[in-house]
Amino acid sequence: MDFTAVIEKSTDGMYCAYLSEEIPGYTPIGYGESVEQAKDDLFVAINEMKEMAYERGDFFPEIDNVTFSYDIPSFFNCFDWINISMFARKVGINESKLRAYKTGSAFPSEKTVQKILKTVRELGSQMAAASL
């Protein structure tokens, strides 16, 4: 089964990862000081709950694939190699605003989120089409 994990930066500065799909009776959640730590902790929680379900005789779905959905601060934590100045120019937004979005001290409008996502996808396509 395929699942989506949502990654968000919490108000305490930690990152939280959780499955957007419900598993009746189980709610695996991961936390960490980085996105990578939150992801790792989520998979630990999934495995622990899977074992618990087995011991109880409960159903726990087989998780074949997990895709990730990020909020803006989590995205930039995960892809910390992205140059914010250059990326802001590509998106066509103010560099200081993008830095505020990155830290979570400000929040973009839905329109701005879509501009950022469009640029991410365009850059991903360009990188995938490149050869060395």
C-alpha atoms as a PDB file:
ATOM      1  CA  MET A   1       0.000   0.000   0.000  1.00  0.00           C
ATOM      2  CA  ASP A   2       1.151   3.544  -0.727  1.00  0.00           C
ATOM      3  CA  PHE A   3       1.044   6.217   1.962  1.00  0.00           C
ATOM      4  CA  THR A   4       1.776   9.919   2.178  1.00  0.00           C
ATOM      5  CA  ALA A   5       3.711  11.300   5.117  1.00  0.00           C
ATOM      6  CA  VAL A   6       3.173  14.940   6.018  1.00  0.00           C
ATOM      7  CA  ILE A   7       6.219  16.764   7.361  1.00  0.00           C
ATOM      8  CA  GLU A   8       5.693  20.006   9.264  1.00  0.00           C
ATOM      9  CA  LYS A   9       7.769  22.295  11.422  1.00  0.00           C
ATOM     10  CA  SER A  10       6.181  22.607  14.870  1.00  0.00           C
ATOM     11  CA  THR A  11       5.944  25.821  16.865  1.00  0.00           C
ATOM     12  CA  ASP A  12       8.663  24.474  19.186  1.00  0.00           C
ATOM     13  CA  GLY A  13      11.113  24.320  16.251  1.00  0.00           C
ATOM     14  CA  MET A  14      10.988  20.528  15.988  1.00  0.00           C
ATOM     15  CA  TYR A  15       9.827  18.668  12.885  1.00  0.00           C
ATOM     16  CA  CYS A  16       6.874  16.307  12.926  1.00  0.00           C
ATOM     17  CA  ALA A  17       6.127  13.510  10.445  1.00  0.00           C
ATOM     18  CA  TYR A  18       2.829  11.646  10.306  1.00  0.00           C
ATOM     19  CA  LEU A  19       0.829   9.587   7.840  1.00  0.00           C
ATOM     20  CA  SER A  20      -2.037  11.427   6.174  1.00  0.00           C
ATOM     21  CA  GLU A  21      -3.979   8.167   5.743  1.00  0.00           C
ATOM     22  CA  GLU A  22      -5.613   6.655   8.792  1.00  0.00           C
ATOM     23  CA  ILE A  23      -4.629   3.259  10.146  1.00  0.00           C
ATOM     24  CA  PRO A  24      -7.492   2.309  12.499  1.00  0.00           C
ATOM     25  CA  GLY A  25      -6.211   2.059  16.061  1.00  0.00           C
ATOM     26  CA  TYR A  26      -2.704   3.281  15.241  1.00  0.00           C
ATOM     27  CA  THR A  27      -1.195   6.733  14.766  1.00  0.00           C
ATOM     28  CA  PRO A  28       2.512   6.588  13.960  1.00  0.00           C
ATOM     29  CA  ILE A  29       4.217   9.951  14.431  1.00  0.00           C
ATOM     30  CA  GLY A  30       7.873  10.902  14.223  1.00  0.00           C
ATOM     31  CA  TYR A  31       9.683  13.886  15.730  1.00  0.00           C
ATOM     32  CA  GLY A  32      13.150  15.297  15.306  1.00  0.00           C
ATOM     33  CA  GLU A  33      15.368  18.342  15.199  1.00  0.00           C
ATOM     34  CA  SER A  34      15.563  17.898  11.418  1.00  0.00           C
ATOM     35  CA  VAL A  35      13.296  16.509   8.725  1.00  0.00           C
ATOM     36  CA  GLU A  36      15.581  13.502   8.365  1.00  0.00           C
ATOM     37  CA  GLN A  37      15.324  12.719  12.099  1.00  0.00           C
ATOM     38  CA  ALA A  38      11.524  13.071  11.978  1.00  0.00           C
ATOM     39  CA  LYS A  39      11.346  10.711   8.977  1.00  0.00           C
ATOM     40  CA  ASP A  40      13.579   8.155  10.696  1.00  0.00           C
ATOM     41  CA  ASP A  41      11.504   8.392  13.885  1.00  0.00           C
ATOM     42  CA  LEU A  42       8.293   7.935  11.874  1.00  0.00           C
ATOM     43  CA  PHE A  43       9.607   4.682  10.391  1.00  0.00           C
ATOM     44  CA  VAL A  44      10.629   3.492  13.868  1.00  0.00           C
ATOM     45  CA  ALA A  45       7.074   4.239  15.081  1.00  0.00           C
ATOM     46  CA  ILE A  46       5.569   2.410  12.088  1.00  0.00           C
ATOM     47  CA  ASN A  47       7.687  -0.680  12.770  1.00  0.00           C
ATOM     48  CA  GLU A  48       6.854  -0.626  16.497  1.00  0.00           C
ATOM     49  CA  MET A  49       3.131  -0.329  15.763  1.00  0.00           C
ATOM     50  CA  LYS A  50       3.347  -3.073  13.172  1.00  0.00           C
ATOM     51  CA  GLU A  51       4.879  -5.370  15.815  1.00  0.00           C
ATOM     52  CA  MET A  52       2.224  -4.297  18.334  1.00  0.00           C
ATOM     53  CA  ALA A  53      -0.544  -5.048  15.826  1.00  0.00           C
ATOM     54  CA  TYR A  54       0.950  -8.464  15.130  1.00  0.00           C
ATOM     55  CA  GLU A  55       1.100  -9.271  18.865  1.00  0.00           C
ATOM     56  CA  ARG A  56      -2.520  -8.169  19.313  1.00  0.00           C
ATOM     57  CA  GLY A  57      -3.720  -9.981  16.211  1.00  0.00           C
ATOM     58  CA  ASP A  58      -4.772  -6.664  14.636  1.00  0.00           C
ATOM     59  CA  PHE A  59      -4.552  -5.735  10.997  1.00  0.00           C
ATOM     60  CA  PHE A  60      -1.738  -3.400  10.056  1.00  0.00           C
ATOM     61  CA  PRO A  61      -1.306  -2.605   6.362  1.00  0.00           C
ATOM     62  CA  GLU A  62       1.861  -3.426   4.502  1.00  0.00           C
ATOM     63  CA  ILE A  63       3.467  -0.081   3.676  1.00  0.00           C
ATOM     64  CA  ASP A  64       5.138  -0.457   0.299  1.00  0.00           C
ATOM     65  CA  ASN A  65       5.877   3.167  -0.529  1.00  0.00           C
ATOM     66  CA  VAL A  66       5.853   6.478   1.323  1.00  0.00           C
ATOM     67  CA  THR A  67       5.829   9.825  -0.466  1.00  0.00           C
ATOM     68  CA  PHE A  68       6.394  13.040   1.434  1.00  0.00           C
ATOM     69  CA  SER A  69       4.439  16.272   1.553  1.00  0.00           C
ATOM     70  CA  TYR A  70       6.288  19.178   3.177  1.00  0.00           C
ATOM     71  CA  ASP A  71       5.369  22.542   4.578  1.00  0.00           C
ATOM     72  CA  ILE A  72       7.743  25.288   3.380  1.00  0.00           C
ATOM     73  CA  PRO A  73      10.142  25.251   6.381  1.00  0.00           C
ATOM     74  CA  SER A  74      10.371  21.451   6.233  1.00  0.00           C
ATOM     75  CA  PHE A  75      11.007  21.476   2.498  1.00  0.00           C
ATOM     76  CA  PHE A  76      13.963  23.820   2.891  1.00  0.00           C
ATOM     77  CA  ASN A  77      15.281  21.849   5.858  1.00  0.00           C
ATOM     78  CA  CYS A  78      15.175  18.655   3.806  1.00  0.00           C
ATOM     79  CA  PHE A  79      16.740  20.299   0.757  1.00  0.00           C
ATOM     80  CA  ASP A  80      19.118  22.572   2.643  1.00  0.00           C
ATOM     81  CA  TRP A  81      21.520  22.705  -0.296  1.00  0.00           C
ATOM     82  CA  ILE A  82      19.133  25.003  -2.212  1.00  0.00           C
ATOM     83  CA  ASN A  83      20.506  28.539  -2.480  1.00  0.00           C
ATOM     84  CA  ILE A  84      17.672  30.731  -1.173  1.00  0.00           C
ATOM     85  CA  SER A  85      18.773  33.864  -3.056  1.00  0.00           C
ATOM     86  CA  MET A  86      18.916  32.106  -6.412  1.00  0.00           C
ATOM     87  CA  PHE A  87      15.730  30.163  -5.758  1.00  0.00           C
ATOM     88  CA  ALA A  88      13.818  33.320  -4.788  1.00  0.00           C
ATOM     89  CA  ARG A  89      14.847  34.896  -8.101  1.00  0.00           C
ATOM     90  CA  LYS A  90      13.691  31.809 -10.008  1.00  0.00           C
ATOM     91  CA  VAL A  91      10.331  31.877  -8.228  1.00  0.00           C
ATOM     92  CA  GLY A  92      10.029  35.634  -8.639  1.00  0.00           C
ATOM     93  CA  ILE A  93       9.523  36.484  -4.982  1.00  0.00           C
ATOM     94  CA  ASN A  94      11.354  38.675  -2.511  1.00  0.00           C
ATOM     95  CA  GLU A  95      14.418  36.966  -1.057  1.00  0.00           C
ATOM     96  CA  SER A  96      13.768  38.167   2.506  1.00  0.00           C
ATOM     97  CA  LYS A  97      10.191  36.873   2.332  1.00  0.00           C
ATOM     98  CA  LEU A  98      11.425  33.456   1.197  1.00  0.00           C
ATOM     99  CA  ARG A  99      13.892  33.415   4.102  1.00  0.00           C
ATOM    100  CA  ALA A 100      10.995  34.156   6.479  1.00  0.00           C
ATOM    101  CA  TYR A 101       8.967  31.325   4.903  1.00  0.00           C
ATOM    102  CA  LYS A 102      11.973  29.030   5.288  1.00  0.00           C
ATOM    103  CA  THR A 103      12.248  29.694   9.016  1.00  0.00           C
ATOM    104  CA  GLY A 104       8.505  29.615   9.595  1.00  0.00           C
ATOM    105  CA  SER A 105       8.410  33.195  10.892  1.00  0.00           C
ATOM    106  CA  ALA A 106       6.030  34.113   8.039  1.00  0.00           C
ATOM    107  CA  PHE A 107       3.630  32.082   5.958  1.00  0.00           C
ATOM    108  CA  PRO A 108       3.118  32.314   2.192  1.00  0.00           C
ATOM    109  CA  SER A 109      -0.255  32.681   0.535  1.00  0.00           C
ATOM    110  CA  GLU A 110      -1.625  29.723  -1.400  1.00  0.00           C
ATOM    111  CA  LYS A 111      -0.704  31.553  -4.619  1.00  0.00           C
ATOM    112  CA  THR A 112       2.917  31.878  -3.459  1.00  0.00           C
ATOM    113  CA  VAL A 113       3.013  28.219  -2.393  1.00  0.00           C
ATOM    114  CA  GLN A 114       1.875  27.274  -5.897  1.00  0.00           C
ATOM    115  CA  LYS A 115       4.609  29.472  -7.444  1.00  0.00           C
ATOM    116  CA  ILE A 116       7.222  27.773  -5.257  1.00  0.00           C
ATOM    117  CA  LEU A 117       5.892  24.312  -6.112  1.00  0.00           C
ATOM    118  CA  LYS A 118       5.820  25.128  -9.829  1.00  0.00           C
ATOM    119  CA  THR A 119       9.463  26.214  -9.682  1.00  0.00           C
ATOM    120  CA  VAL A 120      10.463  23.100  -7.716  1.00  0.00           C
ATOM    121  CA  ARG A 121       8.832  20.891 -10.350  1.00  0.00           C
ATOM    122  CA  GLU A 122      10.395  22.811 -13.242  1.00  0.00           C
ATOM    123  CA  LEU A 123      13.858  22.549 -11.687  1.00  0.00           C
ATOM    124  CA  GLY A 124      13.288  18.855 -10.971  1.00  0.00           C
ATOM    125  CA  SER A 125      12.337  18.249 -14.606  1.00  0.00           C
ATOM    126  CA  GLN A 126      15.383  20.143 -15.823  1.00  0.00           C
ATOM    127  CA  MET A 127      17.657  18.151 -13.522  1.00  0.00           C
ATOM    128  CA  ALA A 128      16.067  14.845 -14.532  1.00  0.00           C
ATOM    129  CA  ALA A 129      16.590  15.674 -18.220  1.00  0.00           C
ATOM    130  CA  ALA A 130      20.268  16.581 -17.754  1.00  0.00           C
ATOM    131  CA  SER A 131      23.056  14.230 -18.694  1.00  0.00           C
ATOM    132  CA  LEU A 132      26.699  14.293 -17.687  1.00  0.00           C
END
